[in-house]
Structure formats: C-alpha cells, structure tokens
Amino acid sequence: MNVFAIGDLHLSHTSNKPMHVFGVHWENHMDKIKAKWESNVTSEDIVLIPGDISWAMRLKEAGPDLEWLDELPGHKICIRGNHDYWWDRPSPLNRKYQHTYFLQNTTYLVGEVAICGTRGWSIGEQVEKIEETEKMIARECGRLKLSLDAALKEKAKEIWVMIHYPPYVEDATTSPFIELMKQYPVTKVIYGHLHDASSWEKAKIGEYEGIMYQLVSADYLDFKPLLIARLEEEC
C-alpha cells in the first residue's frame, strides 16, 4: 500500500473562484489533479490531504467538491485548512463519505503508524495581532495534543502529523507546534499553505532533529500526489 500526500486542492465546483488568477499554472487545475491522481493512486492506497479542500463557504455548497474527492481512487484522510469554512463536525461527514476520513482531535491508525493533525496557525506573520495569534496557536496546539494523545492510546510506534500551516517560523529552530511534537514519536510532518516560489525556497523540507518535513501544496507538486511512503499494512 502506498501513501501519498497533496494539499490545497481548492476545489470549486459550486464556488465562483477561478484559480487561474493566481497564475497560469492553476488553469484547469481540477482536471490536472484528477488525471495525475488516477494515473498514480490505486483503490488500495491512502492519500493525506492537509487542508484547503474546497472554496465553499457552507457544507451544502461543499457537497459536490467532497463527492468528487470521495470518488477518486484511494482512501483520503483530511484535516481542515484556513479556507475550509464549510468544515462541520467530523462525525456526520465520516458517516456520509465512504472513502474520505475527516480528522479532528483524534488519530487514524494504519498498522503501527498513527496519522494525527490539526489546522495549525500562521506563526510570526501577524505582529499587529499578537494576543489573537497567541490564543489561536494555543488552541491549535491543544487540538494537536488531543490527536497525539489518541495516537499513544492506540499504542502507535510511529506518528505522522498533518498540519495545514507550516509549523515553524522562518530561520527559527523551534515553535510551539514543533516543541509539542518533539514530546511524541513523530517522524513525519506534512504541511501545505505555501503558494509562491519565494516561500517554497525557504520552506523546511527534509530532516530536522529526527523529523522529516514535507511541503505538499498542490501547485508546489505540479498537482501530482506525492508518494511519501510504502506500507505493508492495509488501510
């Protein structure tokens, strides 16, 4: 079984949000995602999606996007991104969609690997809103801790974390999210949110202090799901 990852799909079957305004490479991006997904992912595989799934504002409006995603090959594990305003309580969503799991405050076990995650928050970019930023970082760290603790209860030997925002400050060696993850057997961090060449050049990619970081924004990957691991265990 292969494990892929791709974030920031920004689906818009019902939203008037043409993505080509962000660059010509975004033209017909949903067609690109579908074609490359179907060429690489099988029904036995897992795809990790760290947020920004749909531009819809309400859950009903997101329905066509979520159905489109659910019908793609593989089992999808999703977390919320900063643009996923439609995101509602995960339990009803998990009952409705057969091949898509919406992860929040818990973990998803694949063999001895636990998939954890939370949206996270922008670090170091909102100096004028220090109090609000600190409040949101504390809340998101709390949600991540719930997810990580759930992984330990499942006796997972290895933990992978999905987080939408980059969990670090540029040129800094730590952050509240990193310090929290270092208390657990986290070996991989998969994140998105970044959409321009300058931020890609500065992105944390590779191993740092025993944790492997991988940026998987869809445009960074040229809209092709990235193979991040091969596991013997079945989903």
Protein backbone atom coordinates (compact mmCIF):
# COMPACT_ATOMS: atom_id res chain seq x y z
CA MET A 1 0.00 0.00 0.00
CA ASN A 2 1.32 3.41 -0.99
CA VAL A 3 0.77 6.59 1.00
CA PHE A 4 0.55 9.81 -0.99
CA ALA A 5 0.02 13.41 0.07
CA ILE A 6 -1.31 16.52 -1.64
CA GLY A 7 -2.87 19.62 -0.07
CA ASP A 8 -4.55 22.85 -1.11
CA LEU A 9 -6.82 21.31 -3.73
CA HIS A 10 -9.02 24.44 -3.68
CA LEU A 11 -11.93 22.68 -5.36
CA SER A 12 -14.68 24.93 -6.67
CA HIS A 13 -17.46 23.02 -8.37
CA THR A 14 -20.07 25.38 -6.90
CA SER A 15 -17.94 28.39 -5.95
CA ASN A 16 -17.10 31.13 -8.43
CA LYS A 17 -13.42 31.05 -7.58
CA PRO A 18 -11.30 30.67 -10.75
CA MET A 19 -7.81 29.71 -9.64
CA HIS A 20 -6.03 30.89 -12.79
CA VAL A 21 -5.99 34.39 -11.26
CA PHE A 22 -3.18 33.03 -9.08
CA GLY A 23 -1.11 32.04 -12.12
CA VAL A 24 -1.46 30.27 -15.44
CA HIS A 25 -0.31 27.00 -13.84
CA TRP A 26 -3.66 26.94 -11.98
CA GLU A 27 -5.71 26.83 -15.21
CA ASN A 28 -7.95 23.73 -15.23
CA HIS A 29 -6.23 22.61 -12.03
CA MET A 30 -9.04 20.22 -11.05
CA ASP A 31 -8.63 18.37 -14.35
CA LYS A 32 -4.87 18.18 -13.74
CA ILE A 33 -5.37 16.83 -10.22
CA LYS A 34 -7.87 14.20 -11.39
CA ALA A 35 -5.70 12.99 -14.27
CA LYS A 36 -2.49 12.73 -12.25
CA TRP A 37 -4.30 11.24 -9.27
CA GLU A 38 -5.92 8.49 -11.33
CA SER A 39 -2.59 7.73 -13.03
CA ASN A 40 -0.78 7.16 -9.74
CA VAL A 41 -3.17 6.29 -6.92
CA THR A 42 -4.99 2.95 -6.65
CA SER A 43 -8.01 1.99 -4.59
CA GLU A 44 -5.69 0.31 -2.05
CA ASP A 45 -3.67 3.47 -1.38
CA ILE A 46 -4.01 6.29 1.14
CA VAL A 47 -3.86 10.00 0.31
CA LEU A 48 -3.17 12.55 3.05
CA ILE A 49 -4.76 15.97 2.44
CA PRO A 50 -3.58 18.73 4.81
CA GLY A 51 -6.39 21.21 4.28
CA ASP A 52 -7.84 23.82 1.92
CA ILE A 53 -10.01 21.25 0.22
CA SER A 54 -12.92 23.38 -1.01
CA TRP A 55 -13.63 27.07 -1.53
CA ALA A 56 -17.24 26.55 -0.41
CA MET A 57 -18.46 28.63 2.50
CA ARG A 58 -21.15 26.19 3.68
CA LEU A 59 -21.24 22.41 3.95
CA LYS A 60 -24.11 22.07 1.47
CA GLU A 61 -22.14 24.05 -1.10
CA ALA A 62 -19.08 21.84 -0.50
CA GLY A 63 -21.07 18.69 -1.31
CA PRO A 64 -20.08 18.41 -5.00
CA ASP A 65 -16.42 19.00 -4.13
CA LEU A 66 -16.43 16.37 -1.38
CA GLU A 67 -18.25 13.86 -3.60
CA TRP A 68 -15.71 14.48 -6.38
CA LEU A 69 -12.90 13.86 -3.92
CA ASP A 70 -14.54 10.78 -2.39
CA GLU A 71 -14.85 9.17 -5.83
CA LEU A 72 -11.15 9.46 -6.61
CA PRO A 73 -9.07 6.29 -6.04
CA GLY A 74 -7.76 5.56 -2.57
CA HIS A 75 -8.76 6.33 0.97
CA LYS A 76 -8.44 10.02 1.78
CA ILE A 77 -7.53 11.40 5.23
CA CYS A 78 -8.20 15.14 5.55
CA ILE A 79 -7.66 17.94 8.03
CA ARG A 80 -9.09 21.44 7.96
CA GLY A 81 -7.31 24.31 6.21
CA ASN A 82 -7.71 28.04 6.74
CA HIS A 83 -10.12 28.32 3.79
CA ASP A 84 -12.30 25.33 4.72
CA TYR A 85 -15.11 27.44 6.19
CA TRP A 86 -17.62 24.70 5.29
CA TRP A 87 -15.94 22.25 7.73
CA ASP A 88 -18.51 21.00 10.22
CA ARG A 89 -18.46 18.34 12.92
CA PRO A 90 -16.37 15.43 11.57
CA SER A 91 -18.66 12.62 12.75
CA PRO A 92 -21.53 13.28 10.29
CA LEU A 93 -19.02 13.79 7.49
CA ASN A 94 -17.30 10.49 8.29
CA ARG A 95 -20.62 8.68 8.22
CA LYS A 96 -21.56 10.18 4.87
CA TYR A 97 -18.41 9.62 2.83
CA GLN A 98 -17.19 6.08 2.26
CA HIS A 99 -13.62 6.75 1.16
CA THR A 100 -12.82 10.00 2.97
CA TYR A 101 -12.00 10.50 6.64
CA PHE A 102 -12.16 13.92 8.29
CA LEU A 103 -9.66 14.03 11.14
CA GLN A 104 -10.03 16.36 14.13
CA ASN A 105 -8.96 15.87 17.76
CA THR A 106 -8.25 12.19 17.16
CA THR A 107 -6.00 9.86 15.17
CA TYR A 108 -6.24 7.46 12.25
CA LEU A 109 -4.28 4.24 12.59
CA VAL A 110 -2.63 2.48 9.65
CA GLY A 111 -0.89 -0.57 11.05
CA GLU A 112 1.56 0.77 13.62
CA VAL A 113 1.56 4.27 12.11
CA ALA A 114 -0.82 6.88 13.50
CA ILE A 115 -1.93 9.82 11.38
CA CYS A 116 -2.52 12.92 13.54
CA GLY A 117 -3.16 16.53 12.72
CA THR A 118 -4.76 19.92 13.09
CA ARG A 119 -5.04 23.12 11.07
CA GLY A 120 -2.32 24.98 12.96
CA TRP A 121 -1.91 28.73 12.68
CA SER A 122 0.27 31.33 11.00
CA ILE A 123 3.39 31.95 13.07
CA GLY A 124 5.28 35.22 13.01
CA GLU A 125 3.15 36.92 10.34
CA GLN A 126 0.57 38.78 12.45
CA VAL A 127 2.62 41.05 14.69
CA GLU A 128 -0.24 43.55 14.93
CA LYS A 129 -2.49 40.84 16.40
CA ILE A 130 -0.16 39.25 18.96
CA GLU A 131 -2.87 38.43 21.51
CA GLU A 132 -5.18 36.83 18.93
CA THR A 133 -2.30 34.90 17.38
CA GLU A 134 -1.16 33.53 20.73
CA LYS A 135 -4.74 32.49 21.53
CA MET A 136 -5.15 30.65 18.23
CA ILE A 137 -1.75 28.93 18.48
CA ALA A 138 -2.62 27.74 21.98
CA ARG A 139 -5.99 26.39 20.75
CA GLU A 140 -4.43 24.59 17.80
CA CYS A 141 -1.67 23.13 19.99
CA GLY A 142 -4.40 21.84 22.27
CA ARG A 143 -6.14 20.15 19.36
CA LEU A 144 -2.88 18.66 18.14
CA LYS A 145 -2.17 17.33 21.64
CA LEU A 146 -5.56 15.59 21.70
CA SER A 147 -4.68 13.96 18.39
CA LEU A 148 -1.20 12.93 19.56
CA ASP A 149 -2.53 11.54 22.85
CA ALA A 150 -5.08 9.50 20.91
CA ALA A 151 -2.18 8.01 18.92
CA LEU A 152 -0.43 6.94 22.11
CA LYS A 153 -3.61 5.29 23.36
CA GLU A 154 -3.60 3.26 20.15
CA LYS A 155 -0.02 2.22 21.02
CA ALA A 156 1.29 3.60 17.74
CA LYS A 157 5.03 3.13 17.28
CA GLU A 158 5.30 5.96 14.75
CA ILE A 159 3.31 9.19 14.33
CA TRP A 160 2.88 11.30 11.21
CA VAL A 161 1.43 14.78 11.64
CA MET A 162 -0.59 16.70 9.08
CA ILE A 163 -0.80 20.44 9.69
CA HIS A 164 -2.05 22.98 7.19
CA TYR A 165 0.14 25.94 8.10
CA PRO A 166 3.92 25.50 8.16
CA PRO A 167 4.65 24.62 11.81
CA TYR A 168 7.75 26.79 12.02
CA VAL A 169 8.99 30.34 11.91
CA GLU A 170 11.37 31.16 9.08
CA ASP A 171 15.02 30.84 10.19
CA ALA A 172 13.92 29.69 13.66
CA THR A 173 14.74 26.26 15.07
CA THR A 174 11.52 25.77 17.00
CA SER A 175 7.89 26.78 17.54
CA PRO A 176 5.11 25.75 19.95
CA PHE A 177 3.99 23.11 17.43
CA ILE A 178 7.48 21.67 17.00
CA GLU A 179 8.14 21.61 20.74
CA LEU A 180 4.88 19.72 21.24
CA MET A 181 5.64 17.20 18.50
CA LYS A 182 9.10 16.53 19.93
CA GLN A 183 7.39 15.09 23.04
CA TYR A 184 5.92 12.29 20.91
CA PRO A 185 7.34 9.73 18.45
CA VAL A 186 6.63 11.99 15.45
CA THR A 187 8.70 11.08 12.41
CA LYS A 188 6.94 12.93 9.57
CA VAL A 189 5.25 16.31 9.23
CA ILE A 190 3.19 17.01 6.10
CA TYR A 191 2.05 20.59 5.51
CA GLY A 192 0.79 22.94 2.79
CA HIS A 193 -0.48 26.53 2.57
CA LEU A 194 2.53 27.94 0.69
CA HIS A 195 1.88 29.08 -2.89
CA ASP A 196 4.77 31.11 -4.25
CA ALA A 197 8.33 30.44 -5.29
CA SER A 198 9.89 32.65 -2.61
CA SER A 199 8.14 30.78 0.20
CA TRP A 200 8.94 27.41 -1.42
CA GLU A 201 12.64 28.30 -1.46
CA LYS A 202 12.54 28.99 2.29
CA ALA A 203 10.31 26.05 3.17
CA LYS A 204 11.50 23.48 5.67
CA ILE A 205 11.87 20.28 3.63
CA GLY A 206 13.89 17.29 4.77
CA GLU A 207 15.00 16.01 8.16
CA TYR A 208 15.39 18.32 11.14
CA GLU A 209 16.08 16.92 14.61
CA GLY A 210 14.77 13.50 13.67
CA ILE A 211 11.55 14.68 12.00
CA MET A 212 11.07 14.62 8.22
CA TYR A 213 9.21 17.69 6.88
CA GLN A 214 7.45 17.72 3.52
CA LEU A 215 5.63 20.54 1.75
CA VAL A 216 2.73 19.21 -0.34
CA SER A 217 0.81 22.25 -1.65
CA ALA A 218 -0.82 21.13 -4.90
CA ASP A 219 0.85 23.78 -7.05
CA TYR A 220 4.24 23.02 -5.49
CA LEU A 221 3.76 19.39 -6.57
CA ASP A 222 2.52 20.40 -10.04
CA PHE A 223 -0.82 18.89 -8.97
CA LYS A 224 0.51 15.33 -8.73
CA PRO A 225 0.07 13.46 -5.40
CA LEU A 226 3.48 12.87 -3.82
CA LEU A 227 4.45 9.35 -2.80
CA ILE A 228 5.74 9.65 0.78
CA ALA A 229 5.84 6.04 1.96
CA ARG A 230 5.12 2.41 1.18
CA LEU A 231 3.50 0.42 3.96
CA GLU A 232 2.74 -3.29 4.16
CA GLU A 233 -0.30 -2.76 6.37
CA GLU A 234 -3.67 -2.32 4.73
CA CYS A 235 -5.96 0.64 5.39
